[in-house]
PDB file of N, CA and C in Angstrom:
ATOM      1  N   MET A   1     101.894  92.326 122.095  1.00  0.00           N
ATOM      2  CA  MET A   1     102.662  93.532 121.869  1.00  0.00           C
ATOM      3  C   MET A   1     101.950  94.375 120.806  1.00  0.00           C
ATOM      4  N   SER A   2     101.846  95.651 121.041  1.00  0.00           N
ATOM      5  CA  SER A   2     101.165  96.527 120.090  1.00  0.00           C
ATOM      6  C   SER A   2     102.096  96.867 118.918  1.00  0.00           C
ATOM      7  N   ASP A   3     101.505  97.402 117.849  1.00  0.00           N
ATOM      8  CA  ASP A   3     102.298  97.787 116.674  1.00  0.00           C
ATOM      9  C   ASP A   3     103.353  98.823 117.026  1.00  0.00           C
ATOM     10  N   ARG A   4     103.005  99.745 117.870  1.00  0.00           N
ATOM     11  CA  ARG A   4     103.946 100.793 118.285  1.00  0.00           C
ATOM     12  C   ARG A   4     105.146 100.178 119.017  1.00  0.00           C
ATOM     13  N   GLU A   5     104.887  99.212 119.895  1.00  0.00           N
ATOM     14  CA  GLU A   5     105.974  98.546 120.618  1.00  0.00           C
ATOM     15  C   GLU A   5     106.842  97.730 119.670  1.00  0.00           C
ATOM     16  N   TYR A   6     106.209  97.075 118.688  1.00  0.00           N
ATOM     17  CA  TYR A   6     106.970  96.304 117.703  1.00  0.00           C
ATOM     18  C   TYR A   6     107.920  97.204 116.915  1.00  0.00           C
ATOM     19  N   ILE A   7     107.425  98.293 116.385  1.00  0.00           N
ATOM     20  CA  ILE A   7     108.242  99.139 115.523  1.00  0.00           C
ATOM     21  C   ILE A   7     109.397  99.763 116.302  1.00  0.00           C
ATOM     22  N   HIS A   8     109.185 100.066 117.562  1.00  0.00           N
ATOM     23  CA  HIS A   8     110.267 100.639 118.367  1.00  0.00           C
ATOM     24  C   HIS A   8     111.237  99.580 118.876  1.00  0.00           C
ATOM     25  N   ALA A   9     110.849  98.313 118.819  1.00  0.00           N
ATOM     26  CA  ALA A   9     111.748  97.235 119.235  1.00  0.00           C
ATOM     27  C   ALA A   9     112.770  96.889 118.149  1.00  0.00           C
ATOM     28  N   PHE A  10     112.466  97.212 116.887  1.00  0.00           N
ATOM     29  CA  PHE A  10     113.423  96.975 115.804  1.00  0.00           C
ATOM     30  C   PHE A  10     114.642  97.872 115.982  1.00  0.00           C
ATOM     31  N   SER A  11     115.769  97.461 115.408  1.00  0.00           N
ATOM     32  CA  SER A  11     116.994  98.258 115.467  1.00  0.00           C
ATOM     33  C   SER A  11     116.754  99.628 114.861  1.00  0.00           C
ATOM     34  N   ASP A  12     117.329 100.643 115.484  1.00  0.00           N
ATOM     35  CA  ASP A  12     117.105 102.024 115.038  1.00  0.00           C
ATOM     36  C   ASP A  12     117.614 102.284 113.633  1.00  0.00           C
ATOM     37  N   TYR A  13     118.721 101.663 113.248  1.00  0.00           N
ATOM     38  CA  TYR A  13     119.318 101.947 111.942  1.00  0.00           C
ATOM     39  C   TYR A  13     118.491 101.407 110.771  1.00  0.00           C
ATOM     40  N   LEU A  14     117.572 100.489 111.027  1.00  0.00           N
ATOM     41  CA  LEU A  14     116.760  99.940 109.938  1.00  0.00           C
ATOM     42  C   LEU A  14     115.889 101.007 109.283  1.00  0.00           C
ATOM     43  N   PHE A  15     115.413 101.928 110.059  1.00  0.00           N
ATOM     44  CA  PHE A  15     114.493 102.944 109.559  1.00  0.00           C
ATOM     45  C   PHE A  15     115.091 104.332 109.741  1.00  0.00           C
ATOM     46  N   TRP A  16     116.332 104.467 109.365  1.00  0.00           N
ATOM     47  CA  TRP A  16     117.065 105.722 109.524  1.00  0.00           C
ATOM     48  C   TRP A  16     116.469 106.851 108.683  1.00  0.00           C
ATOM     49  N   ASP A  17     115.812 106.514 107.598  1.00  0.00           N
ATOM     50  CA  ASP A  17     115.313 107.533 106.684  1.00  0.00           C
ATOM     51  C   ASP A  17     113.845 107.888 106.887  1.00  0.00           C
ATOM     52  N   SER A  18     113.254 107.349 107.925  1.00  0.00           N
ATOM     53  CA  SER A  18     111.843 107.652 108.173  1.00  0.00           C
ATOM     54  C   SER A  18     111.588 107.722 109.677  1.00  0.00           C
ATOM     55  N   ASP A  19     110.458 108.301 110.013  1.00  0.00           N
ATOM     56  CA  ASP A  19     110.053 108.407 111.408  1.00  0.00           C
ATOM     57  C   ASP A  19     109.422 107.081 111.821  1.00  0.00           C
ATOM     58  N   LYS A  20     110.034 106.409 112.789  1.00  0.00           N
ATOM     59  CA  LYS A  20     109.533 105.099 113.201  1.00  0.00           C
ATOM     60  C   LYS A  20     108.079 105.145 113.660  1.00  0.00           C
ATOM     61  N   SER A  21     107.689 106.220 114.305  1.00  0.00           N
ATOM     62  CA  SER A  21     106.327 106.299 114.834  1.00  0.00           C
ATOM     63  C   SER A  21     105.277 106.453 113.733  1.00  0.00           C
ATOM     64  N   SER A  22     105.707 106.818 112.517  1.00  0.00           N
ATOM     65  CA  SER A  22     104.742 106.983 111.428  1.00  0.00           C
ATOM     66  C   SER A  22     104.611 105.726 110.559  1.00  0.00           C
ATOM     67  N   ILE A  23     105.338 104.678 110.874  1.00  0.00           N
ATOM     68  CA  ILE A  23     105.286 103.445 110.080  1.00  0.00           C
ATOM     69  C   ILE A  23     104.120 102.585 110.547  1.00  0.00           C
ATOM     70  N   ASP A  24     103.254 102.245 109.618  1.00  0.00           N
ATOM     71  CA  ASP A  24     102.125 101.358 109.882  1.00  0.00           C
ATOM     72  C   ASP A  24     102.557  99.950 109.479  1.00  0.00           C
ATOM     73  N   LEU A  25     102.570  99.030 110.430  1.00  0.00           N
ATOM     74  CA  LEU A  25     103.080  97.683 110.167  1.00  0.00           C
ATOM     75  C   LEU A  25     102.232  96.891 109.183  1.00  0.00           C
ATOM     76  N   GLU A  26     100.990  97.252 109.009  1.00  0.00           N
ATOM     77  CA  GLU A  26     100.152  96.568 108.024  1.00  0.00           C
ATOM     78  C   GLU A  26     100.292  97.202 106.645  1.00  0.00           C
ATOM     79  N   ALA A  27     100.139  98.505 106.575  1.00  0.00           N
ATOM     80  CA  ALA A  27     100.201  99.196 105.284  1.00  0.00           C
ATOM     81  C   ALA A  27     101.609  99.196 104.704  1.00  0.00           C
ATOM     82  N   ASN A  28     102.613  99.225 105.544  1.00  0.00           N
ATOM     83  CA  ASN A  28     104.006  99.275 105.104  1.00  0.00           C
ATOM     84  C   ASN A  28     104.735  97.956 105.313  1.00  0.00           C
ATOM     85  N   ALA A  29     104.015  96.858 105.304  1.00  0.00           N
ATOM     86  CA  ALA A  29     104.624  95.547 105.546  1.00  0.00           C
ATOM     87  C   ALA A  29     105.755  95.226 104.568  1.00  0.00           C
ATOM     88  N   PRO A  30     105.619  95.472 103.253  1.00  0.00           N
ATOM     89  CA  PRO A  30     106.745  95.190 102.353  1.00  0.00           C
ATOM     90  C   PRO A  30     108.003  95.984 102.690  1.00  0.00           C
ATOM     91  N   TYR A  31     107.822  97.228 103.074  1.00  0.00           N
ATOM     92  CA  TYR A  31     108.949  98.081 103.457  1.00  0.00           C
ATOM     93  C   TYR A  31     109.671  97.504 104.678  1.00  0.00           C
ATOM     94  N   VAL A  32     108.910  97.111 105.685  1.00  0.00           N
ATOM     95  CA  VAL A  32     109.484  96.570 106.914  1.00  0.00           C
ATOM     96  C   VAL A  32     110.177  95.238 106.638  1.00  0.00           C
ATOM     97  N   VAL A  33     109.529  94.368 105.877  1.00  0.00           N
ATOM     98  CA  VAL A  33     110.104  93.050 105.570  1.00  0.00           C
ATOM     99  C   VAL A  33     111.408  93.196 104.804  1.00  0.00           C
ATOM    100  N   ARG A  34     111.434  94.054 103.791  1.00  0.00           N
ATOM    101  CA  ARG A  34     112.652  94.249 103.005  1.00  0.00           C
ATOM    102  C   ARG A  34     113.796  94.749 103.873  1.00  0.00           C
ATOM    103  N   ARG A  35     113.522  95.743 104.710  1.00  0.00           N
ATOM    104  CA  ARG A  35     114.574  96.309 105.557  1.00  0.00           C
ATOM    105  C   ARG A  35     115.152  95.265 106.507  1.00  0.00           C
ATOM    106  N   VAL A  36     114.290  94.463 107.102  1.00  0.00           N
ATOM    107  CA  VAL A  36     114.770  93.450 108.044  1.00  0.00           C
ATOM    108  C   VAL A  36     115.535  92.353 107.309  1.00  0.00           C
ATOM    109  N   LEU A  37     115.034  91.905 106.166  1.00  0.00           N
ATOM    110  CA  LEU A  37     115.734  90.862 105.415  1.00  0.00           C
ATOM    111  C   LEU A  37     117.108  91.321 104.945  1.00  0.00           C
ATOM    112  N   GLU A  38     117.215  92.539 104.474  1.00  0.00           N
ATOM    113  CA  GLU A  38     118.478  92.996 103.899  1.00  0.00           C
ATOM    114  C   GLU A  38     119.452  93.561 104.925  1.00  0.00           C
ATOM    115  N   PHE A  39     118.964  94.202 105.980  1.00  0.00           N
ATOM    116  CA  PHE A  39     119.860  94.901 106.896  1.00  0.00           C
ATOM    117  C   PHE A  39     119.693  94.528 108.365  1.00  0.00           C
ATOM    118  N   GLY A  40     118.717  93.696 108.689  1.00  0.00           N
ATOM    119  CA  GLY A  40     118.407  93.418 110.088  1.00  0.00           C
ATOM    120  C   GLY A  40     119.328  92.415 110.751  1.00  0.00           C
ATOM    121  N   GLN A  41     119.320  92.462 112.055  1.00  0.00           N
ATOM    122  CA  GLN A  41     120.034  91.487 112.865  1.00  0.00           C
ATOM    123  C   GLN A  41     119.087  90.333 113.178  1.00  0.00           C
ATOM    124  N   PHE A  42     119.617  89.292 113.819  1.00  0.00           N
ATOM    125  CA  PHE A  42     118.783  88.135 114.111  1.00  0.00           C
ATOM    126  C   PHE A  42     117.639  88.492 115.061  1.00  0.00           C
ATOM    127  N   SER A  43     117.870  89.418 115.972  1.00  0.00           N
ATOM    128  CA  SER A  43     116.797  89.851 116.879  1.00  0.00           C
ATOM    129  C   SER A  43     115.670  90.543 116.091  1.00  0.00           C
ATOM    130  N   ASP A  44     116.035  91.292 115.049  1.00  0.00           N
ATOM    131  CA  ASP A  44     115.024  91.917 114.194  1.00  0.00           C
ATOM    132  C   ASP A  44     114.235  90.855 113.436  1.00  0.00           C
ATOM    133  N   TRP A  45     114.934  89.830 112.964  1.00  0.00           N
ATOM    134  CA  TRP A  45     114.274  88.732 112.263  1.00  0.00           C
ATOM    135  C   TRP A  45     113.266  88.042 113.180  1.00  0.00           C
ATOM    136  N   ASN A  46     113.649  87.786 114.432  1.00  0.00           N
ATOM    137  CA  ASN A  46     112.737  87.140 115.381  1.00  0.00           C
ATOM    138  C   ASN A  46     111.487  87.987 115.625  1.00  0.00           C
ATOM    139  N   LEU A  47     111.664  89.295 115.729  1.00  0.00           N
ATOM    140  CA  LEU A  47     110.504  90.193 115.879  1.00  0.00           C
ATOM    141  C   LEU A  47     109.594  90.126 114.657  1.00  0.00           C
ATOM    142  N   LEU A  48     110.218  90.109 113.487  1.00  0.00           N
ATOM    143  CA  LEU A  48     109.451  90.056 112.241  1.00  0.00           C
ATOM    144  C   LEU A  48     108.631  88.770 112.151  1.00  0.00           C
ATOM    145  N   VAL A  49     109.238  87.660 112.511  1.00  0.00           N
ATOM    146  CA  VAL A  49     108.533  86.368 112.470  1.00  0.00           C
ATOM    147  C   VAL A  49     107.392  86.349 113.474  1.00  0.00           C
ATOM    148  N   ARG A  50     107.625  86.902 114.652  1.00  0.00           N
ATOM    149  CA  ARG A  50     106.546  86.954 115.646  1.00  0.00           C
ATOM    150  C   ARG A  50     105.375  87.805 115.163  1.00  0.00           C
ATOM    151  N   ARG A  51     105.678  88.878 114.442  1.00  0.00           N
ATOM    152  CA  ARG A  51     104.633  89.801 113.998  1.00  0.00           C
ATOM    153  C   ARG A  51     103.866  89.281 112.781  1.00  0.00           C
ATOM    154  N   TYR A  52     104.583  88.773 111.780  1.00  0.00           N
ATOM    155  CA  TYR A  52     103.945  88.393 110.515  1.00  0.00           C
ATOM    156  C   TYR A  52     103.848  86.883 110.284  1.00  0.00           C
ATOM    157  N   GLY A  53     104.770  86.129 110.787  1.00  0.00           N
ATOM    158  CA  GLY A  53     104.818  84.696 110.499  1.00  0.00           C
ATOM    159  C   GLY A  53     105.611  84.445 109.224  1.00  0.00           C
ATOM    160  N   ILE A  54     106.239  83.291 109.132  1.00  0.00           N
ATOM    161  CA  ILE A  54     107.130  82.998 108.003  1.00  0.00           C
ATOM    162  C   ILE A  54     106.375  82.939 106.684  1.00  0.00           C
ATOM    163  N   SER A  55     105.180  82.376 106.675  1.00  0.00           N
ATOM    164  CA  SER A  55     104.450  82.259 105.407  1.00  0.00           C
ATOM    165  C   SER A  55     104.097  83.632 104.831  1.00  0.00           C
ATOM    166  N   ARG A  56     103.698  84.574 105.681  1.00  0.00           N
ATOM    167  CA  ARG A  56     103.371  85.919 105.176  1.00  0.00           C
ATOM    168  C   ARG A  56     104.635  86.658 104.736  1.00  0.00           C
ATOM    169  N   ILE A  57     105.719  86.510 105.474  1.00  0.00           N
ATOM    170  CA  ILE A  57     106.986  87.131 105.088  1.00  0.00           C
ATOM    171  C   ILE A  57     107.415  86.611 103.724  1.00  0.00           C
ATOM    172  N   CYS A  58     107.295  85.311 103.518  1.00  0.00           N
ATOM    173  CA  CYS A  58     107.672  84.694 102.247  1.00  0.00           C
ATOM    174  C   CYS A  58     106.780  85.204 101.114  1.00  0.00           C
ATOM    175  N   THR A  59     105.497  85.305 101.354  1.00  0.00           N
ATOM    176  CA  THR A  59     104.566  85.810 100.334  1.00  0.00           C
ATOM    177  C   THR A  59     104.903  87.239  99.939  1.00  0.00           C
ATOM    178  N   ILE A  60     105.228  88.056 100.923  1.00  0.00           N
ATOM    179  CA  ILE A  60     105.609  89.440 100.641  1.00  0.00           C
ATOM    180  C   ILE A  60     106.905  89.472  99.841  1.00  0.00           C
ATOM    181  N   ALA A  61     107.891  88.670 100.262  1.00  0.00           N
ATOM    182  CA  ALA A  61     109.203  88.654  99.599  1.00  0.00           C
ATOM    183  C   ALA A  61     109.115  88.108  98.172  1.00  0.00           C
ATOM    184  N   GLN A  62     108.173  87.231  97.901  1.00  0.00           N
ATOM    185  CA  GLN A  62     108.034  86.673  96.561  1.00  0.00           C
ATOM    186  C   GLN A  62     107.654  87.739  95.531  1.00  0.00           C
ATOM    187  N   ASN A  63     107.110  88.844  95.966  1.00  0.00           N
ATOM    188  CA  ASN A  63     106.695  89.898  95.050  1.00  0.00           C
ATOM    189  C   ASN A  63     107.724  91.005  94.866  1.00  0.00           C
ATOM    190  N   PHE A  64     108.857  90.940  95.565  1.00  0.00           N
ATOM    191  CA  PHE A  64     109.889  91.969  95.418  1.00  0.00           C
ATOM    192  C   PHE A  64     110.539  91.875  94.058  1.00  0.00           C
ATOM    193  N   ARG A  65     110.748  93.016  93.419  1.00  0.00           N
ATOM    194  CA  ARG A  65     111.448  93.042  92.133  1.00  0.00           C
ATOM    195  C   ARG A  65     112.944  92.833  92.321  1.00  0.00           C
ATOM    196  N   THR A  66     113.483  93.352  93.409  1.00  0.00           N
ATOM    197  CA  THR A  66     114.896  93.167  93.726  1.00  0.00           C
ATOM    198  C   THR A  66     115.020  92.797  95.197  1.00  0.00           C
ATOM    199  N   LEU A  67     116.039  92.009  95.482  1.00  0.00           N
ATOM    200  CA  LEU A  67     116.348  91.625  96.859  1.00  0.00           C
ATOM    201  C   LEU A  67     117.794  91.178  96.877  1.00  0.00           C
ATOM    202  N   ASP A  68     118.488  91.545  97.925  1.00  0.00           N
ATOM    203  CA  ASP A  68     119.874  91.142  98.081  1.00  0.00           C
ATOM    204  C   ASP A  68     119.975  89.617  97.937  1.00  0.00           C
ATOM    205  N   PRO A  69     120.959  89.098  97.180  1.00  0.00           N
ATOM    206  CA  PRO A  69     121.063  87.650  96.978  1.00  0.00           C
ATOM    207  C   PRO A  69     121.160  86.839  98.268  1.00  0.00           C
ATOM    208  N   LYS A  70     121.851  87.359  99.280  1.00  0.00           N
ATOM    209  CA  LYS A  70     121.935  86.632 100.557  1.00  0.00           C
ATOM    210  C   LYS A  70     120.585  86.589 101.256  1.00  0.00           C
ATOM    211  N   ALA A  71     119.863  87.690 101.205  1.00  0.00           N
ATOM    212  CA  ALA A  71     118.533  87.746 101.811  1.00  0.00           C
ATOM    213  C   ALA A  71     117.575  86.804 101.080  1.00  0.00           C
ATOM    214  N   LEU A  72     117.703  86.755  99.768  1.00  0.00           N
ATOM    215  CA  LEU A  72     116.870  85.851  98.963  1.00  0.00           C
ATOM    216  C   LEU A  72     117.148  84.394  99.324  1.00  0.00           C
ATOM    217  N   SER A  73     118.400  84.034  99.414  1.00  0.00           N
ATOM    218  CA  SER A  73     118.760  82.664  99.787  1.00  0.00           C
ATOM    219  C   SER A  73     118.270  82.331 101.193  1.00  0.00           C
ATOM    220  N   PHE A  74     118.390  83.287 102.096  1.00  0.00           N
ATOM    221  CA  PHE A  74     117.949  83.072 103.475  1.00  0.00           C
ATOM    222  C   PHE A  74     116.453  82.802 103.540  1.00  0.00           C
ATOM    223  N   ILE A  75     115.648  83.677 102.937  1.00  0.00           N
ATOM    224  CA  ILE A  75     114.197  83.499 103.019  1.00  0.00           C
ATOM    225  C   ILE A  75     113.756  82.245 102.273  1.00  0.00           C
ATOM    226  N   SER A  76     114.440  81.908 101.199  1.00  0.00           N
ATOM    227  CA  SER A  76     114.114  80.684 100.469  1.00  0.00           C
ATOM    228  C   SER A  76     114.398  79.449 101.321  1.00  0.00           C
ATOM    229  N   THR A  77     115.511  79.454 102.010  1.00  0.00           N
ATOM    230  CA  THR A  77     115.889  78.311 102.846  1.00  0.00           C
ATOM    231  C   THR A  77     114.989  78.189 104.071  1.00  0.00           C
ATOM    232  N   VAL A  78     114.748  79.297 104.735  1.00  0.00           N
ATOM    233  CA  VAL A  78     113.940  79.273 105.957  1.00  0.00           C
ATOM    234  C   VAL A  78     112.503  78.873 105.667  1.00  0.00           C
ATOM    235  N   SER A  79     111.965  79.321 104.543  1.00  0.00           N
ATOM    236  CA  SER A  79     110.567  79.033 104.221  1.00  0.00           C
ATOM    237  C   SER A  79     110.379  77.759 103.403  1.00  0.00           C
ATOM    238  N   SER A  80     111.484  77.142 102.967  1.00  0.00           N
ATOM    239  CA  SER A  80     111.447  75.934 102.125  1.00  0.00           C
ATOM    240  C   SER A  80     110.691  76.173 100.818  1.00  0.00           C
ATOM    241  N   VAL A  81     110.809  77.384 100.295  1.00  0.00           N
ATOM    242  CA  VAL A  81     110.204  77.742  99.015  1.00  0.00           C
ATOM    243  C   VAL A  81     111.335  77.857  98.003  1.00  0.00           C
ATOM    244  N   PRO A  82     111.216  77.209  96.837  1.00  0.00           N
ATOM    245  CA  PRO A  82     112.308  77.268  95.854  1.00  0.00           C
ATOM    246  C   PRO A  82     112.575  78.683  95.356  1.00  0.00           C
ATOM    247  N   LEU A  83     113.820  78.944  95.026  1.00  0.00           N
ATOM    248  CA  LEU A  83     114.225  80.261  94.536  1.00  0.00           C
ATOM    249  C   LEU A  83     113.426  80.696  93.314  1.00  0.00           C
ATOM    250  N   GLU A  84     113.038  79.750  92.486  1.00  0.00           N
ATOM    251  CA  GLU A  84     112.313  80.053  91.260  1.00  0.00           C
ATOM    252  C   GLU A  84     110.940  80.672  91.530  1.00  0.00           C
ATOM    253  N   SER A  85     110.452  80.569  92.754  1.00  0.00           N
ATOM    254  CA  SER A  85     109.152  81.129  93.106  1.00  0.00           C
ATOM    255  C   SER A  85     109.216  82.621  93.410  1.00  0.00           C
ATOM    256  N   PHE A  86     110.418  83.153  93.509  1.00  0.00           N
ATOM    257  CA  PHE A  86     110.587  84.555  93.846  1.00  0.00           C
ATOM    258  C   PHE A  86     110.752  85.385  92.582  1.00  0.00           C
ATOM    259  N   ARG A  87     110.020  86.463  92.503  1.00  0.00           N
ATOM    260  CA  ARG A  87     110.046  87.335  91.331  1.00  0.00           C
ATOM    261  C   ARG A  87     111.438  87.909  91.076  1.00  0.00           C
ATOM    262  N   CYS A  88     112.141  88.256  92.138  1.00  0.00           N
ATOM    263  CA  CYS A  88     113.470  88.856  91.980  1.00  0.00           C
ATOM    264  C   CYS A  88     114.491  87.848  91.468  1.00  0.00           C
ATOM    265  N   PHE A  89     114.213  86.566  91.567  1.00  0.00           N
ATOM    266  CA  PHE A  89     115.118  85.547  91.042  1.00  0.00           C
ATOM    267  C   PHE A  89     114.864  85.299  89.562  1.00  0.00           C
ATOM    268  N   THR A  90     113.598  85.320  89.180  1.00  0.00           N
ATOM    269  CA  THR A  90     113.257  84.998  87.795  1.00  0.00           C
ATOM    270  C   THR A  90     113.399  86.188  86.856  1.00  0.00           C
ATOM    271  N   THR A  91     113.279  87.404  87.373  1.00  0.00           N
ATOM    272  CA  THR A  91     113.419  88.591  86.525  1.00  0.00           C
ATOM    273  C   THR A  91     114.543  89.469  87.060  1.00  0.00           C
ATOM    274  N   LYS A  92     115.750  88.997  86.938  1.00  0.00           N
ATOM    275  CA  LYS A  92     116.901  89.751  87.431  1.00  0.00           C
ATOM    276  C   LYS A  92     117.129  90.988  86.577  1.00  0.00           C
ATOM    277  N   GLN A  93     117.565  92.042  87.224  1.00  0.00           N
ATOM    278  CA  GLN A  93     117.869  93.279  86.544  1.00  0.00           C
ATOM    279  C   GLN A  93     119.158  93.115  85.745  1.00  0.00           C
ATOM    280  N   TYR A  94     119.176  93.692  84.562  1.00  0.00           N
ATOM    281  CA  TYR A  94     120.383  93.641  83.752  1.00  0.00           C
ATOM    282  C   TYR A  94     121.283  94.785  84.171  1.00  0.00           C
ATOM    283  N   THR A  95     122.471  94.433  84.593  1.00  0.00           N
ATOM    284  CA  THR A  95     123.458  95.460  84.929  1.00  0.00           C
ATOM    285  C   THR A  95     124.681  95.227  84.059  1.00  0.00           C
ATOM    286  N   ARG A  96     125.041  96.222  83.341  1.00  0.00           N
ATOM    287  CA  ARG A  96     126.171  96.135  82.455  1.00  0.00           C
ATOM    288  C   ARG A  96     127.472  96.235  83.237  1.00  0.00           C
ATOM    289  N   THR A  97     128.409  95.373  82.955  1.00  0.00           N
ATOM    290  CA  THR A  97     129.690  95.432  83.651  1.00  0.00           C
ATOM    291  C   THR A  97     130.555  96.519  83.038  1.00  0.00           C
ATOM    292  N   HIS A  98     131.407  97.052  83.855  1.00  0.00           N
ATOM    293  CA  HIS A  98     132.307  98.092  83.399  1.00  0.00           C
ATOM    294  C   HIS A  98     133.351  97.494  82.458  1.00  0.00           C
ATOM    295  N   TRP A  99     133.676  98.193  81.406  1.00  0.00           N
ATOM    296  CA  TRP A  99     134.654  97.758  80.405  1.00  0.00           C
ATOM    297  C   TRP A  99     134.198  96.486  79.716  1.00  0.00           C
ATOM    298  N   ASN A 100     132.961  96.449  79.356  1.00  0.00           N
ATOM    299  CA  ASN A 100     132.415  95.293  78.647  1.00  0.00           C
ATOM    300  C   ASN A 100     132.784  95.382  77.165  1.00  0.00           C
ATOM    301  N   PHE A 101     133.669  94.501  76.712  1.00  0.00           N
ATOM    302  CA  PHE A 101     134.111  94.500  75.311  1.00  0.00           C
ATOM    303  C   PHE A 101     133.485  93.380  74.535  1.00  0.00           C
TER     304      PHE A 101
END
């Protein structure tokens, strides 16, 4: 399957803010991986695994500064890589709670 066929096979809502035909699957791999991990369906996940492979997806995800906690747990479990290996787990963003006394 060509890159063009892959990008058009993903769910349309994943790339609502960009032109799907202008996405380069190699140059924009972190963008594609993040979108599929956080918002994709299982069919999108299967396409992603076929295109990149689990080890490359995990390597890309390990460098994310932020990632949805469910997506982080999912990729950690599927790849058998401990949570501590992910940058977004070890350097969590500080968010102040409302009405913090």
